[in-house]
Amino acid sequence: MAAIDEFVFGFALMERTNFHDPANEPPAPLLDYLETLLDTEDLPALQEFAQEHGVSGGWAIISNHGRDPERFDRQLDRLIAGFDASR
């Protein structure tokens, strides 16, 4: 129950923090954080993603995924299926 509660709380927090802007603009602190990560050159997959799509284009892809109305149910089903598999 604690894991499900934490998932629901985390989902709601992520939704409120990252996906509430109707203009679909990335939050400024997130952009700053991404730029810091990209500057380290320690994350080649992130570097490649940013080079291919740009930071704003990458945000559009992530944001569209995050705004998928079926995301909550799909992820909760995966969490529960993991519990079932570990019995």
PDB file of N, CA and C in Angstrom:
ATOM      1  N   MET A   1       0.822  -1.185   0.000  1.00  0.00           N
ATOM      2  CA  MET A   1       0.000   0.000   0.000  1.00  0.00           C
ATOM      3  C   MET A   1       0.869   1.253   0.000  1.00  0.00           C
ATOM      4  N   ALA A   2       1.992   1.213   0.698  1.00  0.00           N
ATOM      5  CA  ALA A   2       2.859   2.387   0.764  1.00  0.00           C
ATOM      6  C   ALA A   2       3.409   2.728  -0.623  1.00  0.00           C
ATOM      7  N   ALA A   3       3.795   1.711  -1.375  1.00  0.00           N
ATOM      8  CA  ALA A   3       4.335   1.969  -2.715  1.00  0.00           C
ATOM      9  C   ALA A   3       3.268   2.583  -3.620  1.00  0.00           C
ATOM     10  N   ILE A   4       2.054   2.099  -3.530  1.00  0.00           N
ATOM     11  CA  ILE A   4       0.974   2.659  -4.351  1.00  0.00           C
ATOM     12  C   ILE A   4       0.673   4.082  -3.919  1.00  0.00           C
ATOM     13  N   ASP A   5       0.645   4.320  -2.602  1.00  0.00           N
ATOM     14  CA  ASP A   5       0.424   5.670  -2.094  1.00  0.00           C
ATOM     15  C   ASP A   5       1.524   6.611  -2.587  1.00  0.00           C
ATOM     16  N   GLU A   6       2.765   6.169  -2.519  1.00  0.00           N
ATOM     17  CA  GLU A   6       3.873   7.001  -2.980  1.00  0.00           C
ATOM     18  C   GLU A   6       3.798   7.230  -4.487  1.00  0.00           C
ATOM     19  N   PHE A   7       3.383   6.211  -5.238  1.00  0.00           N
ATOM     20  CA  PHE A   7       3.223   6.387  -6.678  1.00  0.00           C
ATOM     21  C   PHE A   7       2.169   7.451  -6.970  1.00  0.00           C
ATOM     22  N   VAL A   8       1.012   7.349  -6.311  1.00  0.00           N
ATOM     23  CA  VAL A   8      -0.069   8.309  -6.555  1.00  0.00           C
ATOM     24  C   VAL A   8       0.378   9.716  -6.173  1.00  0.00           C
ATOM     25  N   PHE A   9       1.007   9.858  -5.010  1.00  0.00           N
ATOM     26  CA  PHE A   9       1.486  11.166  -4.570  1.00  0.00           C
ATOM     27  C   PHE A   9       2.526  11.708  -5.555  1.00  0.00           C
ATOM     28  N   GLY A  10       3.471  10.867  -5.932  1.00  0.00           N
ATOM     29  CA  GLY A  10       4.515  11.292  -6.874  1.00  0.00           C
ATOM     30  C   GLY A  10       3.946  11.662  -8.228  1.00  0.00           C
ATOM     31  N   PHE A  11       2.980  10.893  -8.687  1.00  0.00           N
ATOM     32  CA  PHE A  11       2.337  11.194  -9.967  1.00  0.00           C
ATOM     33  C   PHE A  11       1.660  12.560  -9.913  1.00  0.00           C
ATOM     34  N   ALA A  12       0.913  12.803  -8.829  1.00  0.00           N
ATOM     35  CA  ALA A  12       0.210  14.079  -8.691  1.00  0.00           C
ATOM     36  C   ALA A  12       1.192  15.244  -8.598  1.00  0.00           C
ATOM     37  N   LEU A  13       2.272  15.056  -7.862  1.00  0.00           N
ATOM     38  CA  LEU A  13       3.275  16.102  -7.738  1.00  0.00           C
ATOM     39  C   LEU A  13       3.934  16.391  -9.083  1.00  0.00           C
ATOM     40  N   MET A  14       4.281  15.347  -9.813  1.00  0.00           N
ATOM     41  CA  MET A  14       4.891  15.511 -11.133  1.00  0.00           C
ATOM     42  C   MET A  14       3.931  16.213 -12.085  1.00  0.00           C
ATOM     43  N   GLU A  15       2.686  15.821 -12.025  1.00  0.00           N
ATOM     44  CA  GLU A  15       1.654  16.429 -12.871  1.00  0.00           C
ATOM     45  C   GLU A  15       1.537  17.921 -12.585  1.00  0.00           C
ATOM     46  N   ARG A  16       1.466  18.259 -11.314  1.00  0.00           N
ATOM     47  CA  ARG A  16       1.307  19.661 -10.917  1.00  0.00           C
ATOM     48  C   ARG A  16       2.559  20.465 -11.240  1.00  0.00           C
ATOM     49  N   THR A  17       3.708  19.893 -11.022  1.00  0.00           N
ATOM     50  CA  THR A  17       4.962  20.620 -11.184  1.00  0.00           C
ATOM     51  C   THR A  17       5.364  20.778 -12.646  1.00  0.00           C
ATOM     52  N   ASN A  18       5.151  19.753 -13.450  1.00  0.00           N
ATOM     53  CA  ASN A  18       5.723  19.754 -14.791  1.00  0.00           C
ATOM     54  C   ASN A  18       4.734  19.867 -15.936  1.00  0.00           C
ATOM     55  N   PHE A  19       3.484  19.525 -15.729  1.00  0.00           N
ATOM     56  CA  PHE A  19       2.583  19.423 -16.866  1.00  0.00           C
ATOM     57  C   PHE A  19       1.331  20.277 -16.737  1.00  0.00           C
ATOM     58  N   HIS A  20       1.372  21.313 -15.910  1.00  0.00           N
ATOM     59  CA  HIS A  20       0.178  22.133 -15.721  1.00  0.00           C
ATOM     60  C   HIS A  20       0.145  23.370 -16.602  1.00  0.00           C
ATOM     61  N   ASP A  21       1.238  23.706 -17.266  1.00  0.00           N
ATOM     62  CA  ASP A  21       1.306  24.912 -18.085  1.00  0.00           C
ATOM     63  C   ASP A  21       0.592  24.681 -19.417  1.00  0.00           C
ATOM     64  N   PRO A  22      -0.505  25.399 -19.673  1.00  0.00           N
ATOM     65  CA  PRO A  22      -1.230  25.198 -20.936  1.00  0.00           C
ATOM     66  C   PRO A  22      -0.393  25.574 -22.159  1.00  0.00           C
ATOM     67  N   ALA A  23       0.595  26.438 -21.979  1.00  0.00           N
ATOM     68  CA  ALA A  23       1.462  26.820 -23.099  1.00  0.00           C
ATOM     69  C   ALA A  23       2.488  25.731 -23.415  1.00  0.00           C
ATOM     70  N   ASN A  24       2.577  24.717 -22.528  1.00  0.00           N
ATOM     71  CA  ASN A  24       3.481  23.589 -22.720  1.00  0.00           C
ATOM     72  C   ASN A  24       4.944  24.028 -22.755  1.00  0.00           C
ATOM     73  N   GLU A  25       5.266  25.044 -21.967  1.00  0.00           N
ATOM     74  CA  GLU A  25       6.647  25.512 -21.861  1.00  0.00           C
ATOM     75  C   GLU A  25       7.337  24.812 -20.692  1.00  0.00           C
ATOM     76  N   PRO A  26       8.600  24.444 -20.858  1.00  0.00           N
ATOM     77  CA  PRO A  26       9.297  23.808 -19.738  1.00  0.00           C
ATOM     78  C   PRO A  26       9.503  24.808 -18.603  1.00  0.00           C
ATOM     79  N   PRO A  27       9.366  24.375 -17.354  1.00  0.00           N
ATOM     80  CA  PRO A  27       9.630  25.267 -16.226  1.00  0.00           C
ATOM     81  C   PRO A  27      11.083  25.733 -16.242  1.00  0.00           C
ATOM     82  N   ALA A  28      11.305  26.995 -15.945  1.00  0.00           N
ATOM     83  CA  ALA A  28      12.662  27.564 -15.981  1.00  0.00           C
ATOM     84  C   ALA A  28      13.655  26.776 -15.136  1.00  0.00           C
ATOM     85  N   PRO A  29      13.303  26.362 -13.907  1.00  0.00           N
ATOM     86  CA  PRO A  29      14.277  25.573 -13.133  1.00  0.00           C
ATOM     87  C   PRO A  29      14.646  24.258 -13.816  1.00  0.00           C
ATOM     88  N   LEU A  30      13.702  23.671 -14.521  1.00  0.00           N
ATOM     89  CA  LEU A  30      13.995  22.432 -15.233  1.00  0.00           C
ATOM     90  C   LEU A  30      14.971  22.692 -16.382  1.00  0.00           C
ATOM     91  N   LEU A  31      14.759  23.777 -17.108  1.00  0.00           N
ATOM     92  CA  LEU A  31      15.687  24.128 -18.192  1.00  0.00           C
ATOM     93  C   LEU A  31      17.091  24.353 -17.648  1.00  0.00           C
ATOM     94  N   ASP A  32      17.193  25.076 -16.542  1.00  0.00           N
ATOM     95  CA  ASP A  32      18.505  25.316 -15.933  1.00  0.00           C
ATOM     96  C   ASP A  32      19.170  24.004 -15.539  1.00  0.00           C
ATOM     97  N   TYR A  33      18.378  23.103 -14.957  1.00  0.00           N
ATOM     98  CA  TYR A  33      18.908  21.811 -14.541  1.00  0.00           C
ATOM     99  C   TYR A  33      19.377  20.997 -15.755  1.00  0.00           C
ATOM    100  N   LEU A  34      18.580  20.980 -16.806  1.00  0.00           N
ATOM    101  CA  LEU A  34      18.967  20.256 -18.022  1.00  0.00           C
ATOM    102  C   LEU A  34      20.246  20.820 -18.623  1.00  0.00           C
ATOM    103  N   GLU A  35      20.346  22.135 -18.664  1.00  0.00           N
ATOM    104  CA  GLU A  35      21.569  22.757 -19.194  1.00  0.00           C
ATOM    105  C   GLU A  35      22.784  22.352 -18.359  1.00  0.00           C
ATOM    106  N   THR A  36      22.604  22.298 -17.039  1.00  0.00           N
ATOM    107  CA  THR A  36      23.697  21.869 -16.162  1.00  0.00           C
ATOM    108  C   THR A  36      24.096  20.432 -16.465  1.00  0.00           C
ATOM    109  N   LEU A  37      23.101  19.567 -16.640  1.00  0.00           N
ATOM    110  CA  LEU A  37      23.393  18.171 -16.974  1.00  0.00           C
ATOM    111  C   LEU A  37      24.095  18.052 -18.318  1.00  0.00           C
ATOM    112  N   LEU A  38      23.620  18.806 -19.299  1.00  0.00           N
ATOM    113  CA  LEU A  38      24.223  18.744 -20.628  1.00  0.00           C
ATOM    114  C   LEU A  38      25.659  19.259 -20.610  1.00  0.00           C
ATOM    115  N   ASP A  39      25.932  20.265 -19.792  1.00  0.00           N
ATOM    116  CA  ASP A  39      27.281  20.825 -19.701  1.00  0.00           C
ATOM    117  C   ASP A  39      28.288  19.839 -19.133  1.00  0.00           C
ATOM    118  N   THR A  40      27.830  18.881 -18.321  1.00  0.00           N
ATOM    119  CA  THR A  40      28.756  17.920 -17.723  1.00  0.00           C
ATOM    120  C   THR A  40      29.285  16.931 -18.748  1.00  0.00           C
ATOM    121  N   GLU A  41      28.525  16.699 -19.796  1.00  0.00           N
ATOM    122  CA  GLU A  41      28.867  15.713 -20.822  1.00  0.00           C
ATOM    123  C   GLU A  41      29.003  14.307 -20.245  1.00  0.00           C
ATOM    124  N   ASP A  42      28.384  14.074 -19.079  1.00  0.00           N
ATOM    125  CA  ASP A  42      28.436  12.761 -18.431  1.00  0.00           C
ATOM    126  C   ASP A  42      27.270  11.870 -18.830  1.00  0.00           C
ATOM    127  N   LEU A  43      26.309  12.414 -19.568  1.00  0.00           N
ATOM    128  CA  LEU A  43      25.105  11.666 -19.916  1.00  0.00           C
ATOM    129  C   LEU A  43      24.951  11.628 -21.439  1.00  0.00           C
ATOM    130  N   PRO A  44      25.642  10.692 -22.083  1.00  0.00           N
ATOM    131  CA  PRO A  44      25.646  10.672 -23.541  1.00  0.00           C
ATOM    132  C   PRO A  44      24.263  10.479 -24.170  1.00  0.00           C
ATOM    133  N   ALA A  45      23.388   9.717 -23.528  1.00  0.00           N
ATOM    134  CA  ALA A  45      22.048   9.528 -24.095  1.00  0.00           C
ATOM    135  C   ALA A  45      21.275  10.845 -24.063  1.00  0.00           C
ATOM    136  N   LEU A  46      21.410  11.599 -22.981  1.00  0.00           N
ATOM    137  CA  LEU A  46      20.759  12.906 -22.896  1.00  0.00           C
ATOM    138  C   LEU A  46      21.361  13.868 -23.910  1.00  0.00           C
ATOM    139  N   GLN A  47      22.674  13.837 -24.062  1.00  0.00           N
ATOM    140  CA  GLN A  47      23.351  14.673 -25.062  1.00  0.00           C
ATOM    141  C   GLN A  47      22.804  14.377 -26.465  1.00  0.00           C
ATOM    142  N   GLU A  48      22.705  13.105 -26.786  1.00  0.00           N
ATOM    143  CA  GLU A  48      22.222  12.695 -28.102  1.00  0.00           C
ATOM    144  C   GLU A  48      20.770  13.126 -28.311  1.00  0.00           C
ATOM    145  N   PHE A  49      19.948  12.932 -27.286  1.00  0.00           N
ATOM    146  CA  PHE A  49      18.541  13.323 -27.362  1.00  0.00           C
ATOM    147  C   PHE A  49      18.423  14.838 -27.594  1.00  0.00           C
ATOM    148  N   ALA A  50      19.201  15.616 -26.850  1.00  0.00           N
ATOM    149  CA  ALA A  50      19.161  17.078 -26.984  1.00  0.00           C
ATOM    150  C   ALA A  50      19.694  17.520 -28.345  1.00  0.00           C
ATOM    151  N   GLN A  51      20.722  16.858 -28.834  1.00  0.00           N
ATOM    152  CA  GLN A  51      21.252  17.210 -30.157  1.00  0.00           C
ATOM    153  C   GLN A  51      20.249  16.889 -31.256  1.00  0.00           C
ATOM    154  N   GLU A  52      19.541  15.782 -31.107  1.00  0.00           N
ATOM    155  CA  GLU A  52      18.578  15.372 -32.123  1.00  0.00           C
ATOM    156  C   GLU A  52      17.322  16.241 -32.116  1.00  0.00           C
ATOM    157  N   HIS A  53      16.841  16.579 -30.919  1.00  0.00           N
ATOM    158  CA  HIS A  53      15.543  17.260 -30.822  1.00  0.00           C
ATOM    159  C   HIS A  53      15.632  18.697 -30.321  1.00  0.00           C
ATOM    160  N   GLY A  54      16.783  19.097 -29.770  1.00  0.00           N
ATOM    161  CA  GLY A  54      16.887  20.389 -29.106  1.00  0.00           C
ATOM    162  C   GLY A  54      16.223  20.293 -27.742  1.00  0.00           C
ATOM    163  N   VAL A  55      16.518  21.237 -26.865  1.00  0.00           N
ATOM    164  CA  VAL A  55      15.943  21.176 -25.525  1.00  0.00           C
ATOM    165  C   VAL A  55      14.441  21.391 -25.585  1.00  0.00           C
ATOM    166  N   SER A  56      13.988  22.376 -26.336  1.00  0.00           N
ATOM    167  CA  SER A  56      12.540  22.629 -26.387  1.00  0.00           C
ATOM    168  C   SER A  56      11.812  21.523 -27.150  1.00  0.00           C
ATOM    169  N   GLY A  57      12.419  20.993 -28.201  1.00  0.00           N
ATOM    170  CA  GLY A  57      11.804  19.875 -28.917  1.00  0.00           C
ATOM    171  C   GLY A  57      11.744  18.628 -28.062  1.00  0.00           C
ATOM    172  N   GLY A  58      12.800  18.402 -27.274  1.00  0.00           N
ATOM    173  CA  GLY A  58      12.810  17.270 -26.349  1.00  0.00           C
ATOM    174  C   GLY A  58      11.744  17.438 -25.280  1.00  0.00           C
ATOM    175  N   TRP A  59      11.599  18.679 -24.799  1.00  0.00           N
ATOM    176  CA  TRP A  59      10.546  18.921 -23.801  1.00  0.00           C
ATOM    177  C   TRP A  59       9.175  18.610 -24.392  1.00  0.00           C
ATOM    178  N   ALA A  60       8.942  18.984 -25.649  1.00  0.00           N
ATOM    179  CA  ALA A  60       7.647  18.719 -26.288  1.00  0.00           C
ATOM    180  C   ALA A  60       7.366  17.217 -26.321  1.00  0.00           C
ATOM    181  N   ILE A  61       8.368  16.418 -26.626  1.00  0.00           N
ATOM    182  CA  ILE A  61       8.195  14.964 -26.658  1.00  0.00           C
ATOM    183  C   ILE A  61       7.868  14.442 -25.256  1.00  0.00           C
ATOM    184  N   ILE A  62       8.645  14.869 -24.275  1.00  0.00           N
ATOM    185  CA  ILE A  62       8.436  14.416 -22.896  1.00  0.00           C
ATOM    186  C   ILE A  62       7.094  14.900 -22.374  1.00  0.00           C
ATOM    187  N   SER A  63       6.774  16.158 -22.651  1.00  0.00           N
ATOM    188  CA  SER A  63       5.525  16.731 -22.167  1.00  0.00           C
ATOM    189  C   SER A  63       4.317  16.045 -22.799  1.00  0.00           C
ATOM    190  N   ASN A  64       4.391  15.759 -24.086  1.00  0.00           N
ATOM    191  CA  ASN A  64       3.285  15.052 -24.738  1.00  0.00           C
ATOM    192  C   ASN A  64       3.087  13.672 -24.120  1.00  0.00           C
ATOM    193  N   HIS A  65       4.182  13.004 -23.820  1.00  0.00           N
ATOM    194  CA  HIS A  65       4.091  11.709 -23.152  1.00  0.00           C
ATOM    195  C   HIS A  65       3.487  11.889 -21.757  1.00  0.00           C
ATOM    196  N   GLY A  66       3.945  12.916 -21.048  1.00  0.00           N
ATOM    197  CA  GLY A  66       3.450  13.170 -19.705  1.00  0.00           C
ATOM    198  C   GLY A  66       1.984  13.557 -19.659  1.00  0.00           C
ATOM    199  N   ARG A  67       1.497  14.142 -20.721  1.00  0.00           N
ATOM    200  CA  ARG A  67       0.101  14.563 -20.776  1.00  0.00           C
ATOM    201  C   ARG A  67      -0.833  13.475 -21.313  1.00  0.00           C
ATOM    202  N   ASP A  68      -0.293  12.313 -21.621  1.00  0.00           N
ATOM    203  CA  ASP A  68      -1.106  11.197 -22.108  1.00  0.00           C
ATOM    204  C   ASP A  68      -2.138  10.839 -21.042  1.00  0.00           C
ATOM    205  N   PRO A  69      -3.424  10.921 -21.361  1.00  0.00           N
ATOM    206  CA  PRO A  69      -4.455  10.668 -20.349  1.00  0.00           C
ATOM    207  C   PRO A  69      -4.467   9.233 -19.823  1.00  0.00           C
ATOM    208  N   GLU A  70      -3.826   8.317 -20.517  1.00  0.00           N
ATOM    209  CA  GLU A  70      -3.804   6.920 -20.064  1.00  0.00           C
ATOM    210  C   GLU A  70      -2.548   6.590 -19.254  1.00  0.00           C
ATOM    211  N   ARG A  71      -1.669   7.568 -19.076  1.00  0.00           N
ATOM    212  CA  ARG A  71      -0.385   7.327 -18.412  1.00  0.00           C
ATOM    213  C   ARG A  71      -0.557   6.827 -16.980  1.00  0.00           C
ATOM    214  N   PHE A  72      -1.433   7.444 -16.198  1.00  0.00           N
ATOM    215  CA  PHE A  72      -1.588   7.035 -14.799  1.00  0.00           C
ATOM    216  C   PHE A  72      -1.999   5.570 -14.705  1.00  0.00           C
ATOM    217  N   ASP A  73      -3.050   5.196 -15.419  1.00  0.00           N
ATOM    218  CA  ASP A  73      -3.531   3.811 -15.356  1.00  0.00           C
ATOM    219  C   ASP A  73      -2.479   2.828 -15.854  1.00  0.00           C
ATOM    220  N   ARG A  74      -1.783   3.179 -16.938  1.00  0.00           N
ATOM    221  CA  ARG A  74      -0.767   2.290 -17.497  1.00  0.00           C
ATOM    222  C   ARG A  74       0.365   2.066 -16.494  1.00  0.00           C
ATOM    223  N   GLN A  75       0.830   3.136 -15.860  1.00  0.00           N
ATOM    224  CA  GLN A  75       1.939   3.007 -14.919  1.00  0.00           C
ATOM    225  C   GLN A  75       1.505   2.292 -13.637  1.00  0.00           C
ATOM    226  N   LEU A  76       0.297   2.571 -13.160  1.00  0.00           N
ATOM    227  CA  LEU A  76      -0.199   1.875 -11.974  1.00  0.00           C
ATOM    228  C   LEU A  76      -0.350   0.383 -12.260  1.00  0.00           C
ATOM    229  N   ASP A  77      -0.852   0.028 -13.434  1.00  0.00           N
ATOM    230  CA  ASP A  77      -0.957  -1.389 -13.813  1.00  0.00           C
ATOM    231  C   ASP A  77       0.416  -2.054 -13.817  1.00  0.00           C
ATOM    232  N   ARG A  78       1.429  -1.341 -14.299  1.00  0.00           N
ATOM    233  CA  ARG A  78       2.788  -1.905 -14.317  1.00  0.00           C
ATOM    234  C   ARG A  78       3.305  -2.129 -12.900  1.00  0.00           C
ATOM    235  N   LEU A  79       3.033  -1.163 -12.025  1.00  0.00           N
ATOM    236  CA  LEU A  79       3.469  -1.296 -10.636  1.00  0.00           C
ATOM    237  C   LEU A  79       2.816  -2.514  -9.987  1.00  0.00           C
ATOM    238  N   ILE A  80       1.526  -2.646 -10.154  1.00  0.00           N
ATOM    239  CA  ILE A  80       0.797  -3.777  -9.561  1.00  0.00           C
ATOM    240  C   ILE A  80       1.246  -5.095 -10.183  1.00  0.00           C
ATOM    241  N   ALA A  81       1.479  -5.107 -11.483  1.00  0.00           N
ATOM    242  CA  ALA A  81       1.959  -6.331 -12.146  1.00  0.00           C
ATOM    243  C   ALA A  81       3.324  -6.735 -11.584  1.00  0.00           C
ATOM    244  N   GLY A  82       4.157  -5.762 -11.255  1.00  0.00           N
ATOM    245  CA  GLY A  82       5.449  -6.076 -10.632  1.00  0.00           C
ATOM    246  C   GLY A  82       5.283  -6.736  -9.276  1.00  0.00           C
ATOM    247  N   PHE A  83       4.304  -6.264  -8.500  1.00  0.00           N
ATOM    248  CA  PHE A  83       4.016  -6.897  -7.224  1.00  0.00           C
ATOM    249  C   PHE A  83       3.558  -8.339  -7.420  1.00  0.00           C
ATOM    250  N   ASP A  84       2.655  -8.530  -8.395  1.00  0.00           N
ATOM    251  CA  ASP A  84       2.132  -9.869  -8.676  1.00  0.00           C
ATOM    252  C   ASP A  84       3.262 -10.810  -9.109  1.00  0.00           C
ATOM    253  N   ALA A  85       4.169 -10.302  -9.914  1.00  0.00           N
ATOM    254  CA  ALA A  85       5.262 -11.141 -10.421  1.00  0.00           C
ATOM    255  C   ALA A  85       6.236 -11.537  -9.329  1.00  0.00           C
ATOM    256  N   SER A  86       6.312 -10.751  -8.265  1.00  0.00           N
ATOM    257  CA  SER A  86       7.302 -11.037  -7.218  1.00  0.00           C
ATOM    258  C   SER A  86       6.770 -11.965  -6.126  1.00  0.00           C
ATOM    259  N   ARG A  87       5.541 -12.443  -6.276  1.00  0.00           N
ATOM    260  CA  ARG A  87       4.986 -13.356  -5.255  1.00  0.00           C
ATOM    261  C   ARG A  87       5.625 -14.701  -5.317  1.00  0.00           C
TER     262      ARG A  87
END
